[in-house]
Amino acid sequence: MPPAISGSGGHNAAFKVACTIVLGFGLSEGDAMGLMQRYNQSCSPQWSEKELLHKIRQAAKQPGQRNYLRNVPIAKWESVKQPDHKQ
């Protein structure tokens, strides 16, 4: 996923990643945090751990389908329509 860049919709980009990780793959808060920390390395500026955790927790509160990417082959991930979650 593209990195979150300040001034270019960075907040929404990072929240979308959190939603994809938490909702699309059904990961726990701890597992999601590890992936968000890795994603965060490409962001400018990087998010604090507190901000990342907030995004993960807000993603977990979103309504809608869960685990919709879990059994989809990697080659088809881009063809799956992502829900439009709002924080």
N, C-alpha and C. Protein backbone atom coordinates (compact mmCIF):
# COMPACT_ATOMS: atom_id res chain seq x y z
N MET A 1 0.84 -1.17 0.00
CA MET A 1 0.00 0.00 0.00
C MET A 1 0.89 1.23 0.00
N PRO A 2 0.42 2.31 -0.62
CA PRO A 2 1.24 3.52 -0.67
C PRO A 2 1.47 4.11 0.73
N PRO A 3 2.62 4.72 0.95
CA PRO A 3 2.91 5.29 2.27
C PRO A 3 2.01 6.50 2.56
N ALA A 4 1.86 6.77 3.85
CA ALA A 4 1.11 7.94 4.30
C ALA A 4 2.06 9.13 4.29
N ILE A 5 1.72 10.15 3.51
CA ILE A 5 2.56 11.33 3.40
C ILE A 5 1.77 12.54 3.91
N SER A 6 2.35 13.28 4.84
CA SER A 6 1.70 14.45 5.40
C SER A 6 1.35 15.44 4.29
N GLY A 7 0.15 15.97 4.32
CA GLY A 7 -0.31 16.94 3.33
C GLY A 7 -0.86 16.29 2.07
N SER A 8 -0.79 14.98 1.99
CA SER A 8 -1.29 14.26 0.82
C SER A 8 -2.27 13.16 1.23
N GLY A 9 -3.10 13.47 2.22
CA GLY A 9 -4.07 12.48 2.69
C GLY A 9 -3.44 11.38 3.53
N GLY A 10 -2.36 11.70 4.20
CA GLY A 10 -1.63 10.70 4.99
C GLY A 10 -2.45 10.04 6.06
N HIS A 11 -3.28 10.81 6.76
CA HIS A 11 -4.12 10.24 7.81
C HIS A 11 -5.04 9.18 7.22
N ASN A 12 -5.71 9.52 6.12
CA ASN A 12 -6.64 8.57 5.49
C ASN A 12 -5.91 7.34 4.96
N ALA A 13 -4.71 7.54 4.41
CA ALA A 13 -3.94 6.41 3.88
C ALA A 13 -3.57 5.44 5.00
N ALA A 14 -3.10 5.97 6.12
CA ALA A 14 -2.71 5.11 7.25
C ALA A 14 -3.93 4.41 7.85
N PHE A 15 -5.05 5.10 7.92
CA PHE A 15 -6.27 4.48 8.44
C PHE A 15 -6.74 3.37 7.51
N LYS A 16 -6.63 3.57 6.21
CA LYS A 16 -7.03 2.54 5.24
C LYS A 16 -6.17 1.28 5.43
N VAL A 17 -4.87 1.48 5.66
CA VAL A 17 -3.99 0.33 5.90
C VAL A 17 -4.42 -0.39 7.17
N ALA A 18 -4.71 0.36 8.23
CA ALA A 18 -5.17 -0.26 9.48
C ALA A 18 -6.45 -1.06 9.26
N CYS A 19 -7.39 -0.50 8.51
CA CYS A 19 -8.64 -1.21 8.22
C CYS A 19 -8.39 -2.48 7.42
N THR A 20 -7.51 -2.39 6.45
CA THR A 20 -7.20 -3.56 5.64
C THR A 20 -6.59 -4.67 6.49
N ILE A 21 -5.67 -4.31 7.35
CA ILE A 21 -5.00 -5.29 8.21
C ILE A 21 -5.98 -5.90 9.22
N VAL A 22 -6.70 -5.02 9.91
CA VAL A 22 -7.58 -5.48 11.00
C VAL A 22 -8.85 -6.14 10.46
N LEU A 23 -9.50 -5.50 9.49
CA LEU A 23 -10.76 -6.01 8.99
C LEU A 23 -10.58 -7.03 7.86
N GLY A 24 -9.73 -6.69 6.90
CA GLY A 24 -9.55 -7.56 5.75
C GLY A 24 -8.94 -8.90 6.10
N PHE A 25 -7.98 -8.88 7.03
CA PHE A 25 -7.31 -10.12 7.40
C PHE A 25 -7.68 -10.61 8.80
N GLY A 26 -8.45 -9.82 9.53
CA GLY A 26 -8.91 -10.24 10.85
C GLY A 26 -7.79 -10.41 11.86
N LEU A 27 -6.76 -9.57 11.77
CA LEU A 27 -5.63 -9.71 12.69
C LEU A 27 -5.94 -9.11 14.06
N SER A 28 -5.29 -9.67 15.06
CA SER A 28 -5.41 -9.14 16.42
C SER A 28 -4.70 -7.80 16.50
N GLU A 29 -4.96 -7.08 17.57
CA GLU A 29 -4.32 -5.78 17.79
C GLU A 29 -2.80 -5.91 17.77
N GLY A 30 -2.27 -6.92 18.43
CA GLY A 30 -0.82 -7.11 18.49
C GLY A 30 -0.21 -7.43 17.13
N ASP A 31 -0.85 -8.33 16.39
CA ASP A 31 -0.35 -8.68 15.06
C ASP A 31 -0.46 -7.49 14.11
N ALA A 32 -1.57 -6.76 14.22
CA ALA A 32 -1.76 -5.58 13.37
C ALA A 32 -0.70 -4.52 13.68
N MET A 33 -0.36 -4.37 14.95
CA MET A 33 0.63 -3.36 15.33
C MET A 33 1.98 -3.66 14.69
N GLY A 34 2.38 -4.91 14.66
CA GLY A 34 3.64 -5.28 14.03
C GLY A 34 3.67 -4.89 12.56
N LEU A 35 2.58 -5.15 11.85
CA LEU A 35 2.52 -4.78 10.43
C LEU A 35 2.44 -3.27 10.24
N MET A 36 1.69 -2.60 11.11
CA MET A 36 1.60 -1.14 11.00
C MET A 36 2.96 -0.49 11.27
N GLN A 37 3.73 -1.04 12.18
CA GLN A 37 5.06 -0.50 12.46
C GLN A 37 5.97 -0.66 11.24
N ARG A 38 5.85 -1.79 10.56
CA ARG A 38 6.65 -2.00 9.35
C ARG A 38 6.21 -1.03 8.25
N TYR A 39 4.89 -0.88 8.06
CA TYR A 39 4.35 0.07 7.08
C TYR A 39 4.80 1.50 7.42
N ASN A 40 4.82 1.82 8.69
CA ASN A 40 5.15 3.16 9.17
C ASN A 40 6.55 3.60 8.74
N GLN A 41 7.43 2.67 8.47
CA GLN A 41 8.80 3.00 8.06
C GLN A 41 8.82 3.78 6.74
N SER A 42 7.78 3.61 5.91
CA SER A 42 7.72 4.30 4.63
C SER A 42 6.94 5.62 4.69
N CYS A 43 6.36 5.92 5.84
CA CYS A 43 5.54 7.12 5.98
C CYS A 43 6.39 8.35 6.29
N SER A 44 5.86 9.50 5.90
CA SER A 44 6.59 10.75 6.14
C SER A 44 5.63 11.85 6.58
N PRO A 45 5.73 12.30 7.82
CA PRO A 45 6.58 11.77 8.88
C PRO A 45 5.99 10.47 9.42
N GLN A 46 6.78 9.75 10.19
CA GLN A 46 6.30 8.50 10.76
C GLN A 46 5.32 8.79 11.90
N TRP A 47 4.38 7.88 12.07
CA TRP A 47 3.38 7.99 13.14
C TRP A 47 3.99 7.49 14.44
N SER A 48 3.53 8.03 15.57
CA SER A 48 3.97 7.51 16.87
C SER A 48 3.26 6.18 17.12
N GLU A 49 3.78 5.39 18.06
CA GLU A 49 3.13 4.12 18.39
C GLU A 49 1.72 4.37 18.92
N LYS A 50 1.55 5.45 19.67
CA LYS A 50 0.22 5.80 20.20
C LYS A 50 -0.75 6.07 19.05
N GLU A 51 -0.30 6.79 18.03
CA GLU A 51 -1.16 7.08 16.88
C GLU A 51 -1.48 5.82 16.08
N LEU A 52 -0.49 4.94 15.93
CA LEU A 52 -0.73 3.69 15.21
C LEU A 52 -1.76 2.83 15.96
N LEU A 53 -1.60 2.74 17.26
CA LEU A 53 -2.54 1.96 18.06
C LEU A 53 -3.94 2.54 17.97
N HIS A 54 -4.05 3.86 17.98
CA HIS A 54 -5.35 4.51 17.84
C HIS A 54 -6.00 4.14 16.50
N LYS A 55 -5.24 4.15 15.43
CA LYS A 55 -5.76 3.80 14.11
C LYS A 55 -6.23 2.35 14.09
N ILE A 56 -5.47 1.45 14.70
CA ILE A 56 -5.84 0.04 14.76
C ILE A 56 -7.14 -0.13 15.54
N ARG A 57 -7.24 0.53 16.66
CA ARG A 57 -8.45 0.40 17.50
C ARG A 57 -9.67 1.01 16.82
N GLN A 58 -9.48 2.12 16.11
CA GLN A 58 -10.59 2.72 15.37
C GLN A 58 -11.00 1.82 14.21
N ALA A 59 -10.04 1.19 13.57
CA ALA A 59 -10.35 0.25 12.48
C ALA A 59 -11.20 -0.90 13.00
N ALA A 60 -10.85 -1.42 14.16
CA ALA A 60 -11.57 -2.56 14.74
C ALA A 60 -13.03 -2.22 15.05
N LYS A 61 -13.33 -0.95 15.25
CA LYS A 61 -14.70 -0.51 15.57
C LYS A 61 -15.58 -0.32 14.33
N GLN A 62 -14.99 -0.40 13.14
CA GLN A 62 -15.74 -0.14 11.91
C GLN A 62 -16.74 -1.26 11.66
N PRO A 63 -17.91 -0.90 11.14
CA PRO A 63 -18.90 -1.92 10.81
C PRO A 63 -18.52 -2.60 9.49
N GLY A 64 -19.16 -3.70 9.24
CA GLY A 64 -18.99 -4.35 7.94
C GLY A 64 -18.32 -5.71 8.02
N GLN A 65 -18.09 -6.25 6.86
CA GLN A 65 -17.54 -7.57 6.68
C GLN A 65 -16.13 -7.68 7.27
N ARG A 66 -15.82 -8.85 7.80
CA ARG A 66 -14.50 -9.14 8.36
C ARG A 66 -13.86 -10.28 7.56
N ASN A 67 -12.55 -10.31 7.57
CA ASN A 67 -11.77 -11.40 6.96
C ASN A 67 -11.98 -11.55 5.46
N TYR A 68 -12.33 -10.49 4.77
CA TYR A 68 -12.64 -10.58 3.35
C TYR A 68 -11.42 -10.79 2.47
N LEU A 69 -10.23 -10.64 3.00
CA LEU A 69 -9.01 -10.90 2.22
C LEU A 69 -8.28 -12.17 2.66
N ARG A 70 -8.70 -12.75 3.73
CA ARG A 70 -7.98 -13.87 4.34
C ARG A 70 -7.74 -15.03 3.38
N ASN A 71 -8.71 -15.41 2.58
CA ASN A 71 -8.57 -16.57 1.70
C ASN A 71 -8.40 -16.19 0.23
N VAL A 72 -8.13 -14.93 -0.03
CA VAL A 72 -7.94 -14.47 -1.41
C VAL A 72 -6.45 -14.62 -1.76
N PRO A 73 -6.14 -15.24 -2.91
CA PRO A 73 -4.73 -15.34 -3.31
C PRO A 73 -4.11 -13.95 -3.47
N ILE A 74 -2.85 -13.84 -3.13
CA ILE A 74 -2.14 -12.55 -3.19
C ILE A 74 -2.30 -11.89 -4.55
N ALA A 75 -2.24 -12.66 -5.60
CA ALA A 75 -2.34 -12.10 -6.96
C ALA A 75 -3.68 -11.42 -7.21
N LYS A 76 -4.68 -11.72 -6.39
CA LYS A 76 -6.02 -11.14 -6.60
C LYS A 76 -6.38 -10.07 -5.58
N TRP A 77 -5.48 -9.73 -4.66
CA TRP A 77 -5.78 -8.74 -3.62
C TRP A 77 -6.22 -7.42 -4.21
N GLU A 78 -5.56 -6.96 -5.25
CA GLU A 78 -5.89 -5.66 -5.84
C GLU A 78 -7.26 -5.64 -6.49
N SER A 79 -7.79 -6.79 -6.84
CA SER A 79 -9.11 -6.84 -7.49
C SER A 79 -10.26 -6.85 -6.48
N VAL A 80 -9.96 -7.02 -5.20
CA VAL A 80 -10.99 -7.03 -4.17
C VAL A 80 -11.36 -5.59 -3.82
N LYS A 81 -12.65 -5.28 -3.90
CA LYS A 81 -13.11 -3.92 -3.57
C LYS A 81 -12.98 -3.70 -2.07
N GLN A 82 -12.26 -2.64 -1.72
CA GLN A 82 -12.07 -2.29 -0.32
C GLN A 82 -13.27 -1.48 0.16
N PRO A 83 -13.82 -1.81 1.32
CA PRO A 83 -14.88 -0.97 1.89
C PRO A 83 -14.36 0.44 2.15
N ASP A 84 -15.23 1.41 2.10
CA ASP A 84 -14.85 2.80 2.33
C ASP A 84 -15.14 3.15 3.78
N HIS A 85 -14.14 2.98 4.64
CA HIS A 85 -14.31 3.24 6.07
C HIS A 85 -13.95 4.69 6.37
N LYS A 86 -14.71 5.27 7.28
CA LYS A 86 -14.48 6.66 7.72
C LYS A 86 -14.16 6.65 9.21
N GLN A 87 -13.15 7.40 9.57
CA GLN A 87 -12.79 7.49 10.98
C GLN A 87 -13.46 8.68 11.61
